[in-house]
Amino acid sequence: MAIRSLRVPAGSEDEPTSLFSSAIERFLRFMTAERGASSLTLKSYREDLLQLEDFLHSAGCRRPGDASSVILRRFASGLHAAGYAAATVARKLASTRSFYRFGQREGWVKANPAKPLRSPKRARKLPRFLTAAEIASLLAAPQPEASGGLRDQAILELMYSAGIRVQELVNLNDQDLDLVGGTIRVRGKGRRERLGVVGSYAQAAVRAWLAIRPISARQAGLSAKPGTNPQPVFTNRFGNRLSVRGVARLLEKHLATAGLSRRASPHTLRHSFATHLLDAGADIRSVQELLGHKSLVTTQIYTHVTTTRLLDAFRKAHPRAQ
């Protein structure tokens, strides 16, 4: 049975469609309220489960609880046959397992039929990072006198100094800053909070930006009212909160200015932060805390980067390495 890459809308609001849709919506509300899932995570869950719904309809399942492990294995096989990448298949199967765990919680399924599903093994790609010299060139690219120059410099300095994700950056509000103490409060995945460290260069850049930051008329009106929407640290020219896409665009611009041809994203600064810390001898558990990783296993990929570089240097320089 073929897997469709996009959901085909049902022709009518029949009972099975309503049952599936209702279960999916309750699951998404549960993930928001109790698990603190981000909007991007919820979007992925929705897409994955709508695709599962289409497959189960075509397999003759009138309710989500009608699915058996055999049928779900066919769903997994169909994903592989459709040519999805291993990482995508793994995510869709994880969404399916979570959905049916929720079904057990609600009582519309006794045992989780998705539990036996095994995700494909994924080859771990080494994270892309910039060298210390490339970072220096990038951080020097924004011109303070240019439009947006002070803001862009503050963004790049802060992302590299604290190793924060781009979504964490754009979510920062004024009350999250402690430039005297050199820290920021970061709200990461799953609404977990942690402290980020702000170095002296980043502190100076952020202060320079805040001195000239535009504030929207709406925010100016709200600032006098306690309990209203907080003031975002980074704004666009209209004084509204900067978007993730806006950060990606300004990075592309300054990479070109710095003459850095290699592909990079805002997350590359986070990878560079972790790699440079470990290169300089930082303790891996400290790096784990700074990155906000729940598991040390996630952080350990950076040790592979540094080990690879050490071995490469050895092979190039040692007279008896070959």
C-alpha atoms as a PDB file:
ATOM      1  CA  MET A   1       0.000   0.000   0.000  1.00  0.00           C
ATOM      2  CA  ALA A   2       1.557   3.273  -1.122  1.00  0.00           C
ATOM      3  CA  ILE A   3       2.317   6.076   1.291  1.00  0.00           C
ATOM      4  CA  ARG A   4       1.183   9.517   0.211  1.00  0.00           C
ATOM      5  CA  SER A   5       3.597  12.319   0.994  1.00  0.00           C
ATOM      6  CA  LEU A   6       0.737  14.770   1.512  1.00  0.00           C
ATOM      7  CA  ARG A   7      -2.627  14.237   3.050  1.00  0.00           C
ATOM      8  CA  VAL A   8      -5.513  13.958   0.587  1.00  0.00           C
ATOM      9  CA  PRO A   9      -8.492  15.861   2.023  1.00  0.00           C
ATOM     10  CA  ALA A  10     -11.494  13.720   2.819  1.00  0.00           C
ATOM     11  CA  GLY A  11     -14.473  14.310   0.612  1.00  0.00           C
ATOM     12  CA  SER A  12     -16.923  14.484   3.499  1.00  0.00           C
ATOM     13  CA  GLU A  13     -16.895  14.865   7.248  1.00  0.00           C
ATOM     14  CA  ASP A  14     -17.706  11.213   7.949  1.00  0.00           C
ATOM     15  CA  GLU A  15     -17.530   9.626  11.368  1.00  0.00           C
ATOM     16  CA  PRO A  16     -14.067   7.990  11.035  1.00  0.00           C
ATOM     17  CA  THR A  17     -12.515  11.264   9.924  1.00  0.00           C
ATOM     18  CA  SER A  18     -14.064  13.032  12.904  1.00  0.00           C
ATOM     19  CA  LEU A  19     -12.786  10.361  15.296  1.00  0.00           C
ATOM     20  CA  PHE A  20      -9.257  10.568  13.947  1.00  0.00           C
ATOM     21  CA  SER A  21      -9.229  14.355  13.838  1.00  0.00           C
ATOM     22  CA  SER A  22     -10.607  14.643  17.352  1.00  0.00           C
ATOM     23  CA  ALA A  23      -7.967  12.241  18.733  1.00  0.00           C
ATOM     24  CA  ILE A  24      -5.173  14.114  16.950  1.00  0.00           C
ATOM     25  CA  GLU A  25      -6.342  17.494  18.258  1.00  0.00           C
ATOM     26  CA  ARG A  26      -6.589  16.195  21.831  1.00  0.00           C
ATOM     27  CA  PHE A  27      -3.094  14.745  21.513  1.00  0.00           C
ATOM     28  CA  LEU A  28      -1.692  18.069  20.274  1.00  0.00           C
ATOM     29  CA  ARG A  29      -3.366  19.937  23.148  1.00  0.00           C
ATOM     30  CA  PHE A  30      -1.860  17.411  25.568  1.00  0.00           C
ATOM     31  CA  MET A  31       1.624  17.896  24.086  1.00  0.00           C
ATOM     32  CA  THR A  32       1.250  21.668  24.401  1.00  0.00           C
ATOM     33  CA  ALA A  33      -0.143  21.792  27.930  1.00  0.00           C
ATOM     34  CA  GLU A  34       1.756  18.973  29.625  1.00  0.00           C
ATOM     35  CA  ARG A  35       4.902  18.528  27.559  1.00  0.00           C
ATOM     36  CA  GLY A  36       5.538  22.130  26.513  1.00  0.00           C
ATOM     37  CA  ALA A  37       5.971  21.192  22.836  1.00  0.00           C
ATOM     38  CA  SER A  38       7.086  24.060  20.597  1.00  0.00           C
ATOM     39  CA  SER A  39       5.069  25.285  17.611  1.00  0.00           C
ATOM     40  CA  LEU A  40       7.522  23.609  15.214  1.00  0.00           C
ATOM     41  CA  THR A  41       7.246  20.287  17.083  1.00  0.00           C
ATOM     42  CA  LEU A  42       3.455  20.512  17.001  1.00  0.00           C
ATOM     43  CA  LYS A  43       3.555  21.233  13.266  1.00  0.00           C
ATOM     44  CA  SER A  44       5.629  18.092  12.689  1.00  0.00           C
ATOM     45  CA  TYR A  45       3.319  15.984  14.869  1.00  0.00           C
ATOM     46  CA  ARG A  46       0.281  17.221  12.986  1.00  0.00           C
ATOM     47  CA  GLU A  47       1.775  16.474   9.554  1.00  0.00           C
ATOM     48  CA  ASP A  48       2.962  13.026  10.641  1.00  0.00           C
ATOM     49  CA  LEU A  49      -0.353  12.035  12.200  1.00  0.00           C
ATOM     50  CA  LEU A  50      -2.447  13.282   9.291  1.00  0.00           C
ATOM     51  CA  GLN A  51      -0.335  11.095   7.024  1.00  0.00           C
ATOM     52  CA  LEU A  52      -0.869   8.170   9.409  1.00  0.00           C
ATOM     53  CA  GLU A  53      -4.605   8.887   9.397  1.00  0.00           C
ATOM     54  CA  ASP A  54      -4.739   8.699   5.595  1.00  0.00           C
ATOM     55  CA  PHE A  55      -2.880   5.407   5.610  1.00  0.00           C
ATOM     56  CA  LEU A  56      -5.124   3.865   8.257  1.00  0.00           C
ATOM     57  CA  HIS A  57      -8.239   4.983   6.395  1.00  0.00           C
ATOM     58  CA  SER A  58      -6.951   3.282   3.252  1.00  0.00           C
ATOM     59  CA  ALA A  59      -6.188   0.172   5.321  1.00  0.00           C
ATOM     60  CA  GLY A  60      -9.822   0.022   6.453  1.00  0.00           C
ATOM     61  CA  CYS A  61      -9.358   1.314  10.010  1.00  0.00           C
ATOM     62  CA  ARG A  62     -12.415   3.311  10.984  1.00  0.00           C
ATOM     63  CA  ARG A  63     -10.945   4.459  14.316  1.00  0.00           C
ATOM     64  CA  PRO A  64      -7.335   5.107  15.381  1.00  0.00           C
ATOM     65  CA  GLY A  65      -7.687   2.288  17.929  1.00  0.00           C
ATOM     66  CA  ASP A  66      -8.384  -0.209  15.125  1.00  0.00           C
ATOM     67  CA  ALA A  67      -4.750  -0.193  14.028  1.00  0.00           C
ATOM     68  CA  SER A  68      -2.712  -3.307  14.809  1.00  0.00           C
ATOM     69  CA  SER A  69       1.057  -3.714  14.996  1.00  0.00           C
ATOM     70  CA  VAL A  70       0.938  -5.523  11.649  1.00  0.00           C
ATOM     71  CA  ILE A  71      -0.812  -2.583   9.974  1.00  0.00           C
ATOM     72  CA  LEU A  72       1.598  -0.085  11.516  1.00  0.00           C
ATOM     73  CA  ARG A  73       4.556  -2.153  10.297  1.00  0.00           C
ATOM     74  CA  ARG A  74       3.095  -1.807   6.808  1.00  0.00           C
ATOM     75  CA  PHE A  75       2.949   1.938   7.396  1.00  0.00           C
ATOM     76  CA  ALA A  76       6.645   1.927   8.367  1.00  0.00           C
ATOM     77  CA  SER A  77       7.547  -0.175   5.321  1.00  0.00           C
ATOM     78  CA  GLY A  78       5.632   2.231   3.124  1.00  0.00           C
ATOM     79  CA  LEU A  79       7.639   5.161   4.447  1.00  0.00           C
ATOM     80  CA  HIS A  80      10.885   3.403   3.529  1.00  0.00           C
ATOM     81  CA  ALA A  81       9.510   2.458   0.092  1.00  0.00           C
ATOM     82  CA  ALA A  82       8.454   6.071  -0.527  1.00  0.00           C
ATOM     83  CA  GLY A  83      12.097   7.131  -0.208  1.00  0.00           C
ATOM     84  CA  TYR A  84      11.934   9.139   3.002  1.00  0.00           C
ATOM     85  CA  ALA A  85      15.267   9.796   4.690  1.00  0.00           C
ATOM     86  CA  ALA A  86      16.050   7.700   7.758  1.00  0.00           C
ATOM     87  CA  ALA A  87      15.750  10.748  10.022  1.00  0.00           C
ATOM     88  CA  THR A  88      12.283  11.527   8.630  1.00  0.00           C
ATOM     89  CA  VAL A  89      11.102   7.926   9.033  1.00  0.00           C
ATOM     90  CA  ALA A  90      12.407   7.900  12.604  1.00  0.00           C
ATOM     91  CA  ARG A  91      10.501  11.093  13.405  1.00  0.00           C
ATOM     92  CA  LYS A  92       7.234   9.815  11.905  1.00  0.00           C
ATOM     93  CA  LEU A  93       7.466   6.549  13.818  1.00  0.00           C
ATOM     94  CA  ALA A  94       8.262   8.438  17.036  1.00  0.00           C
ATOM     95  CA  SER A  95       5.144  10.558  16.451  1.00  0.00           C
ATOM     96  CA  THR A  96       3.118   7.376  15.966  1.00  0.00           C
ATOM     97  CA  ARG A  97       4.424   5.794  19.181  1.00  0.00           C
ATOM     98  CA  SER A  98       3.694   8.968  21.157  1.00  0.00           C
ATOM     99  CA  PHE A  99       0.189   9.196  19.708  1.00  0.00           C
ATOM    100  CA  TYR A 100      -0.669   5.652  20.768  1.00  0.00           C
ATOM    101  CA  ARG A 101       0.867   6.115  24.223  1.00  0.00           C
ATOM    102  CA  PHE A 102      -1.576   8.986  24.531  1.00  0.00           C
ATOM    103  CA  GLY A 103      -4.308   6.602  23.345  1.00  0.00           C
ATOM    104  CA  GLN A 104      -3.467   4.279  26.236  1.00  0.00           C
ATOM    105  CA  ARG A 105      -3.722   7.226  28.600  1.00  0.00           C
ATOM    106  CA  GLU A 106      -7.165   8.119  27.215  1.00  0.00           C
ATOM    107  CA  GLY A 107      -8.321   4.517  27.115  1.00  0.00           C
ATOM    108  CA  TRP A 108      -9.205   4.197  23.427  1.00  0.00           C
ATOM    109  CA  VAL A 109      -6.436   1.609  22.983  1.00  0.00           C
ATOM    110  CA  LYS A 110      -5.416  -1.027  25.549  1.00  0.00           C
ATOM    111  CA  ALA A 111      -1.898  -1.769  24.337  1.00  0.00           C
ATOM    112  CA  ASN A 112       0.335   0.435  22.221  1.00  0.00           C
ATOM    113  CA  PRO A 113       0.391  -1.186  18.752  1.00  0.00           C
ATOM    114  CA  ALA A 114       3.260   1.111  17.721  1.00  0.00           C
ATOM    115  CA  LYS A 115       5.571  -0.036  20.522  1.00  0.00           C
ATOM    116  CA  PRO A 116       7.225  -2.817  18.436  1.00  0.00           C
ATOM    117  CA  LEU A 117       8.129  -0.357  15.647  1.00  0.00           C
ATOM    118  CA  ARG A 118      11.875   0.165  15.424  1.00  0.00           C
ATOM    119  CA  SER A 119      13.300   3.367  14.038  1.00  0.00           C
ATOM    120  CA  PRO A 120      16.020   3.055  11.379  1.00  0.00           C
ATOM    121  CA  LYS A 121      19.575   3.656  12.466  1.00  0.00           C
ATOM    122  CA  ARG A 122      20.799   7.067  11.426  1.00  0.00           C
ATOM    123  CA  ALA A 123      24.342   7.917  10.535  1.00  0.00           C
ATOM    124  CA  ARG A 124      25.337  10.762  12.825  1.00  0.00           C
ATOM    125  CA  LYS A 125      26.628  13.669  10.796  1.00  0.00           C
ATOM    126  CA  LEU A 126      29.388  15.704  12.338  1.00  0.00           C
ATOM    127  CA  PRO A 127      28.128  19.221  13.039  1.00  0.00           C
ATOM    128  CA  ARG A 128      29.274  21.981  10.710  1.00  0.00           C
ATOM    129  CA  PHE A 129      31.232  24.685  12.500  1.00  0.00           C
ATOM    130  CA  LEU A 130      33.374  27.744  11.768  1.00  0.00           C
ATOM    131  CA  THR A 131      36.999  28.009  12.814  1.00  0.00           C
ATOM    132  CA  ALA A 132      38.041  30.628  15.347  1.00  0.00           C
ATOM    133  CA  ALA A 133      39.496  32.759  12.519  1.00  0.00           C
ATOM    134  CA  GLU A 134      36.263  32.488  10.513  1.00  0.00           C
ATOM    135  CA  ILE A 135      34.205  33.448  13.568  1.00  0.00           C
ATOM    136  CA  ALA A 136      36.426  36.506  14.059  1.00  0.00           C
ATOM    137  CA  SER A 137      35.844  37.545  10.433  1.00  0.00           C
ATOM    138  CA  LEU A 138      32.094  37.031  10.751  1.00  0.00           C
ATOM    139  CA  LEU A 139      31.799  39.015  13.995  1.00  0.00           C
ATOM    140  CA  ALA A 140      33.726  41.894  12.404  1.00  0.00           C
ATOM    141  CA  ALA A 141      31.453  41.972   9.327  1.00  0.00           C
ATOM    142  CA  PRO A 142      28.531  44.124  10.631  1.00  0.00           C
ATOM    143  CA  GLN A 143      29.319  47.829  10.313  1.00  0.00           C
ATOM    144  CA  PRO A 144      28.011  49.818  13.329  1.00  0.00           C
ATOM    145  CA  GLU A 145      27.258  52.852  11.196  1.00  0.00           C
ATOM    146  CA  ALA A 146      25.174  50.850   8.702  1.00  0.00           C
ATOM    147  CA  SER A 147      21.432  50.295   9.060  1.00  0.00           C
ATOM    148  CA  GLY A 148      20.939  47.430  11.491  1.00  0.00           C
ATOM    149  CA  GLY A 149      24.679  47.123  12.057  1.00  0.00           C
ATOM    150  CA  LEU A 150      24.601  47.413  15.851  1.00  0.00           C
ATOM    151  CA  ARG A 151      21.706  44.986  16.124  1.00  0.00           C
ATOM    152  CA  ASP A 152      23.352  42.428  13.823  1.00  0.00           C
ATOM    153  CA  GLN A 153      26.625  42.668  15.706  1.00  0.00           C
ATOM    154  CA  ALA A 154      24.815  42.119  19.007  1.00  0.00           C
ATOM    155  CA  ILE A 155      22.971  39.108  17.608  1.00  0.00           C
ATOM    156  CA  LEU A 156      26.095  37.412  16.245  1.00  0.00           C
ATOM    157  CA  GLU A 157      28.141  38.134  19.365  1.00  0.00           C
ATOM    158  CA  LEU A 158      25.394  36.857  21.671  1.00  0.00           C
ATOM    159  CA  MET A 159      24.699  33.678  19.683  1.00  0.00           C
ATOM    160  CA  TYR A 160      28.385  32.766  19.648  1.00  0.00           C
ATOM    161  CA  SER A 161      29.002  33.824  23.254  1.00  0.00           C
ATOM    162  CA  ALA A 162      26.054  31.907  24.742  1.00  0.00           C
ATOM    163  CA  GLY A 163      25.641  29.101  22.193  1.00  0.00           C
ATOM    164  CA  ILE A 164      21.892  29.630  22.054  1.00  0.00           C
ATOM    165  CA  ARG A 165      19.471  28.394  19.411  1.00  0.00           C
ATOM    166  CA  VAL A 166      18.007  30.946  17.024  1.00  0.00           C
ATOM    167  CA  GLN A 167      14.496  30.431  18.446  1.00  0.00           C
ATOM    168  CA  GLU A 168      15.872  31.033  21.931  1.00  0.00           C
ATOM    169  CA  LEU A 169      17.500  34.232  20.695  1.00  0.00           C
ATOM    170  CA  VAL A 170      14.351  35.735  19.171  1.00  0.00           C
ATOM    171  CA  ASN A 171      12.353  34.757  22.277  1.00  0.00           C
ATOM    172  CA  LEU A 172      14.622  36.781  24.594  1.00  0.00           C
ATOM    173  CA  ASN A 173      12.925  39.614  26.484  1.00  0.00           C
ATOM    174  CA  ASP A 174      14.447  42.487  28.422  1.00  0.00           C
ATOM    175  CA  GLN A 175      13.828  40.800  31.781  1.00  0.00           C
ATOM    176  CA  ASP A 176      15.914  37.830  30.620  1.00  0.00           C
ATOM    177  CA  LEU A 177      19.065  39.973  30.432  1.00  0.00           C
ATOM    178  CA  ASP A 178      21.557  40.433  33.259  1.00  0.00           C
ATOM    179  CA  LEU A 179      24.382  42.277  31.564  1.00  0.00           C
ATOM    180  CA  VAL A 180      25.917  43.263  34.900  1.00  0.00           C
ATOM    181  CA  GLY A 181      26.212  39.633  35.967  1.00  0.00           C
ATOM    182  CA  GLY A 182      26.990  38.499  32.427  1.00  0.00           C
ATOM    183  CA  THR A 183      24.115  36.020  32.080  1.00  0.00           C
ATOM    184  CA  ILE A 184      20.853  35.554  30.220  1.00  0.00           C
ATOM    185  CA  ARG A 185      17.849  33.400  31.058  1.00  0.00           C
ATOM    186  CA  VAL A 186      17.151  31.068  28.160  1.00  0.00           C
ATOM    187  CA  ARG A 187      13.923  29.161  27.584  1.00  0.00           C
ATOM    188  CA  GLY A 188      14.862  26.066  25.605  1.00  0.00           C
ATOM    189  CA  LYS A 189      13.066  23.006  24.283  1.00  0.00           C
ATOM    190  CA  GLY A 190      10.233  21.718  26.433  1.00  0.00           C
ATOM    191  CA  ARG A 191      10.136  25.083  28.233  1.00  0.00           C
ATOM    192  CA  ARG A 192      13.259  24.137  30.166  1.00  0.00           C
ATOM    193  CA  GLU A 193      15.090  27.183  31.483  1.00  0.00           C
ATOM    194  CA  ARG A 194      18.837  27.581  31.825  1.00  0.00           C
ATOM    195  CA  LEU A 195      21.407  30.317  32.243  1.00  0.00           C
ATOM    196  CA  GLY A 196      23.531  31.385  29.293  1.00  0.00           C
ATOM    197  CA  VAL A 197      26.853  33.142  29.702  1.00  0.00           C
ATOM    198  CA  VAL A 198      27.420  36.517  28.037  1.00  0.00           C
ATOM    199  CA  GLY A 199      31.054  37.458  27.497  1.00  0.00           C
ATOM    200  CA  SER A 200      32.409  41.005  27.611  1.00  0.00           C
ATOM    201  CA  TYR A 201      32.306  41.500  23.831  1.00  0.00           C
ATOM    202  CA  ALA A 202      28.700  40.350  23.653  1.00  0.00           C
ATOM    203  CA  GLN A 203      27.755  42.499  26.652  1.00  0.00           C
ATOM    204  CA  ALA A 204      29.174  45.618  24.988  1.00  0.00           C
ATOM    205  CA  ALA A 205      27.452  44.801  21.684  1.00  0.00           C
ATOM    206  CA  VAL A 206      24.058  44.229  23.324  1.00  0.00           C
ATOM    207  CA  ARG A 207      24.327  47.467  25.327  1.00  0.00           C
ATOM    208  CA  ALA A 208      25.142  49.427  22.159  1.00  0.00           C
ATOM    209  CA  TRP A 209      22.116  47.906  20.428  1.00  0.00           C
ATOM    210  CA  LEU A 210      19.705  48.560  23.297  1.00  0.00           C
ATOM    211  CA  ALA A 211      20.738  52.226  23.322  1.00  0.00           C
ATOM    212  CA  ILE A 212      19.300  52.730  19.807  1.00  0.00           C
ATOM    213  CA  ARG A 213      16.695  49.926  19.604  1.00  0.00           C
ATOM    214  CA  PRO A 214      13.366  50.982  18.090  1.00  0.00           C
ATOM    215  CA  ILE A 215      10.249  50.116  20.065  1.00  0.00           C
ATOM    216  CA  SER A 216       6.857  49.751  18.400  1.00  0.00           C
ATOM    217  CA  ALA A 217       4.041  52.070  19.385  1.00  0.00           C
ATOM    218  CA  ARG A 218       2.162  49.060  20.749  1.00  0.00           C
ATOM    219  CA  GLN A 219       5.073  47.982  22.929  1.00  0.00           C
ATOM    220  CA  ALA A 220       5.599  51.542  24.112  1.00  0.00           C
ATOM    221  CA  GLY A 221       1.980  51.625  25.246  1.00  0.00           C
ATOM    222  CA  LEU A 222       2.218  48.233  26.920  1.00  0.00           C
ATOM    223  CA  SER A 223       5.477  48.975  28.724  1.00  0.00           C
ATOM    224  CA  ALA A 224       3.650  51.168  31.232  1.00  0.00           C
ATOM    225  CA  LYS A 225       1.127  48.424  32.028  1.00  0.00           C
ATOM    226  CA  PRO A 226       2.313  45.725  34.435  1.00  0.00           C
ATOM    227  CA  GLY A 227       1.625  42.140  33.336  1.00  0.00           C
ATOM    228  CA  THR A 228       1.378  42.951  29.623  1.00  0.00           C
ATOM    229  CA  ASN A 229       3.469  41.554  26.785  1.00  0.00           C
ATOM    230  CA  PRO A 230       7.227  41.782  27.475  1.00  0.00           C
ATOM    231  CA  GLN A 231       9.641  43.839  25.399  1.00  0.00           C
ATOM    232  CA  PRO A 232      11.666  41.684  22.973  1.00  0.00           C
ATOM    233  CA  VAL A 233      15.432  42.231  23.043  1.00  0.00           C
ATOM    234  CA  PHE A 234      15.825  42.047  19.266  1.00  0.00           C
ATOM    235  CA  THR A 235      13.408  43.880  17.025  1.00  0.00           C
ATOM    236  CA  ASN A 236      13.050  44.739  13.350  1.00  0.00           C
ATOM    237  CA  ARG A 237      12.975  48.285  11.999  1.00  0.00           C
ATOM    238  CA  PHE A 238       9.307  48.590  12.994  1.00  0.00           C
ATOM    239  CA  GLY A 239      10.064  47.754  16.617  1.00  0.00           C
ATOM    240  CA  ASN A 240       8.428  44.333  16.476  1.00  0.00           C
ATOM    241  CA  ARG A 241      10.044  41.059  17.553  1.00  0.00           C
ATOM    242  CA  LEU A 242      12.619  39.809  15.068  1.00  0.00           C
ATOM    243  CA  SER A 243      11.783  36.524  13.322  1.00  0.00           C
ATOM    244  CA  VAL A 244      13.892  33.392  12.933  1.00  0.00           C
ATOM    245  CA  ARG A 245      13.950  33.979   9.186  1.00  0.00           C
ATOM    246  CA  GLY A 246      15.160  37.533   9.782  1.00  0.00           C
ATOM    247  CA  VAL A 247      18.155  36.201  11.730  1.00  0.00           C
ATOM    248  CA  ALA A 248      18.938  33.697   8.951  1.00  0.00           C
ATOM    249  CA  ARG A 249      18.872  36.481   6.345  1.00  0.00           C
ATOM    250  CA  LEU A 250      21.204  38.766   8.269  1.00  0.00           C
ATOM    251  CA  LEU A 251      23.629  35.869   8.811  1.00  0.00           C
ATOM    252  CA  GLU A 252      23.681  35.129   5.067  1.00  0.00           C
ATOM    253  CA  LYS A 253      24.456  38.778   4.420  1.00  0.00           C
ATOM    254  CA  HIS A 254      27.374  38.953   6.845  1.00  0.00           C
ATOM    255  CA  LEU A 255      28.816  35.601   5.771  1.00  0.00           C
ATOM    256  CA  ALA A 256      29.060  37.026   2.258  1.00  0.00           C
ATOM    257  CA  THR A 257      30.618  40.249   3.560  1.00  0.00           C
ATOM    258  CA  ALA A 258      33.210  38.244   5.499  1.00  0.00           C
ATOM    259  CA  GLY A 259      34.056  36.231   2.387  1.00  0.00           C
ATOM    260  CA  LEU A 260      32.992  32.942   3.947  1.00  0.00           C
ATOM    261  CA  SER A 261      31.783  30.728   1.141  1.00  0.00           C
ATOM    262  CA  ARG A 262      31.018  27.621   3.213  1.00  0.00           C
ATOM    263  CA  ARG A 263      27.364  26.999   3.996  1.00  0.00           C
ATOM    264  CA  ALA A 264      26.341  28.080   7.470  1.00  0.00           C
ATOM    265  CA  SER A 265      23.140  28.631   9.409  1.00  0.00           C
ATOM    266  CA  PRO A 266      22.367  30.267  12.758  1.00  0.00           C
ATOM    267  CA  HIS A 267      22.830  26.804  14.305  1.00  0.00           C
ATOM    268  CA  THR A 268      26.399  26.774  12.968  1.00  0.00           C
ATOM    269  CA  LEU A 269      27.260  29.414  15.579  1.00  0.00           C
ATOM    270  CA  ARG A 270      25.975  27.081  18.297  1.00  0.00           C
ATOM    271  CA  HIS A 271      28.074  24.232  16.892  1.00  0.00           C
ATOM    272  CA  SER A 272      31.105  26.524  16.765  1.00  0.00           C
ATOM    273  CA  PHE A 273      30.537  27.600  20.382  1.00  0.00           C
ATOM    274  CA  ALA A 274      30.543  23.979  21.623  1.00  0.00           C
ATOM    275  CA  THR A 275      33.454  22.871  19.446  1.00  0.00           C
ATOM    276  CA  HIS A 276      35.679  25.771  20.482  1.00  0.00           C
ATOM    277  CA  LEU A 277      34.940  25.231  24.180  1.00  0.00           C
ATOM    278  CA  LEU A 278      35.909  21.558  24.001  1.00  0.00           C
ATOM    279  CA  ASP A 279      38.974  22.372  21.892  1.00  0.00           C
ATOM    280  CA  ALA A 280      40.106  24.694  24.672  1.00  0.00           C
ATOM    281  CA  GLY A 281      39.707  21.991  27.322  1.00  0.00           C
ATOM    282  CA  ALA A 282      36.239  22.725  28.710  1.00  0.00           C
ATOM    283  CA  ASP A 283      34.543  19.962  30.690  1.00  0.00           C
ATOM    284  CA  ILE A 284      31.940  18.182  28.573  1.00  0.00           C
ATOM    285  CA  ARG A 285      29.312  18.284  31.325  1.00  0.00           C
ATOM    286  CA  SER A 286      29.722  22.045  31.612  1.00  0.00           C
ATOM    287  CA  VAL A 287      29.233  22.318  27.849  1.00  0.00           C
ATOM    288  CA  GLN A 288      26.136  20.121  28.171  1.00  0.00           C
ATOM    289  CA  GLU A 289      24.663  22.540  30.730  1.00  0.00           C
ATOM    290  CA  LEU A 290      25.498  25.581  28.618  1.00  0.00           C
ATOM    291  CA  LEU A 291      23.884  24.025  25.543  1.00  0.00           C
ATOM    292  CA  GLY A 292      20.830  22.911  27.500  1.00  0.00           C
ATOM    293  CA  HIS A 293      21.106  19.318  26.317  1.00  0.00           C
ATOM    294  CA  LYS A 294      18.947  16.908  28.296  1.00  0.00           C
ATOM    295  CA  SER A 295      21.304  14.015  27.603  1.00  0.00           C
ATOM    296  CA  LEU A 296      25.097  13.945  27.593  1.00  0.00           C
ATOM    297  CA  VAL A 297      24.914  11.677  24.534  1.00  0.00           C
ATOM    298  CA  THR A 298      23.741  14.645  22.478  1.00  0.00           C
ATOM    299  CA  THR A 299      26.742  16.703  23.548  1.00  0.00           C
ATOM    300  CA  GLN A 300      29.226  13.910  22.892  1.00  0.00           C
ATOM    301  CA  ILE A 301      29.023  14.381  19.131  1.00  0.00           C
ATOM    302  CA  TYR A 302      31.260  17.425  19.592  1.00  0.00           C
ATOM    303  CA  THR A 303      33.966  15.243  21.108  1.00  0.00           C
ATOM    304  CA  HIS A 304      33.991  13.315  17.833  1.00  0.00           C
ATOM    305  CA  VAL A 305      34.645  16.588  16.026  1.00  0.00           C
ATOM    306  CA  THR A 306      37.597  17.486  18.214  1.00  0.00           C
ATOM    307  CA  THR A 307      38.979  13.922  18.136  1.00  0.00           C
ATOM    308  CA  THR A 308      38.764  13.898  14.342  1.00  0.00           C
ATOM    309  CA  ARG A 309      40.662  17.170  14.179  1.00  0.00           C
ATOM    310  CA  LEU A 310      43.345  15.886  16.550  1.00  0.00           C
ATOM    311  CA  LEU A 311      43.836  12.738  14.486  1.00  0.00           C
ATOM    312  CA  ASP A 312      43.959  14.771  11.293  1.00  0.00           C
ATOM    313  CA  ALA A 313      46.624  17.059  12.776  1.00  0.00           C
ATOM    314  CA  PHE A 314      48.593  14.020  13.949  1.00  0.00           C
ATOM    315  CA  ARG A 315      48.518  12.364  10.536  1.00  0.00           C
ATOM    316  CA  LYS A 316      49.587  15.553   8.798  1.00  0.00           C
ATOM    317  CA  ALA A 317      52.378  16.507  11.200  1.00  0.00           C
ATOM    318  CA  HIS A 318      53.854  13.381  12.785  1.00  0.00           C
ATOM    319  CA  PRO A 319      56.781  11.864  10.841  1.00  0.00           C
ATOM    320  CA  ARG A 320      55.692   8.316  11.681  1.00  0.00           C
ATOM    321  CA  ALA A 321      51.946   8.796  11.333  1.00  0.00           C
ATOM    322  CA  GLN A 322      51.730   7.199   7.885  1.00  0.00           C
END
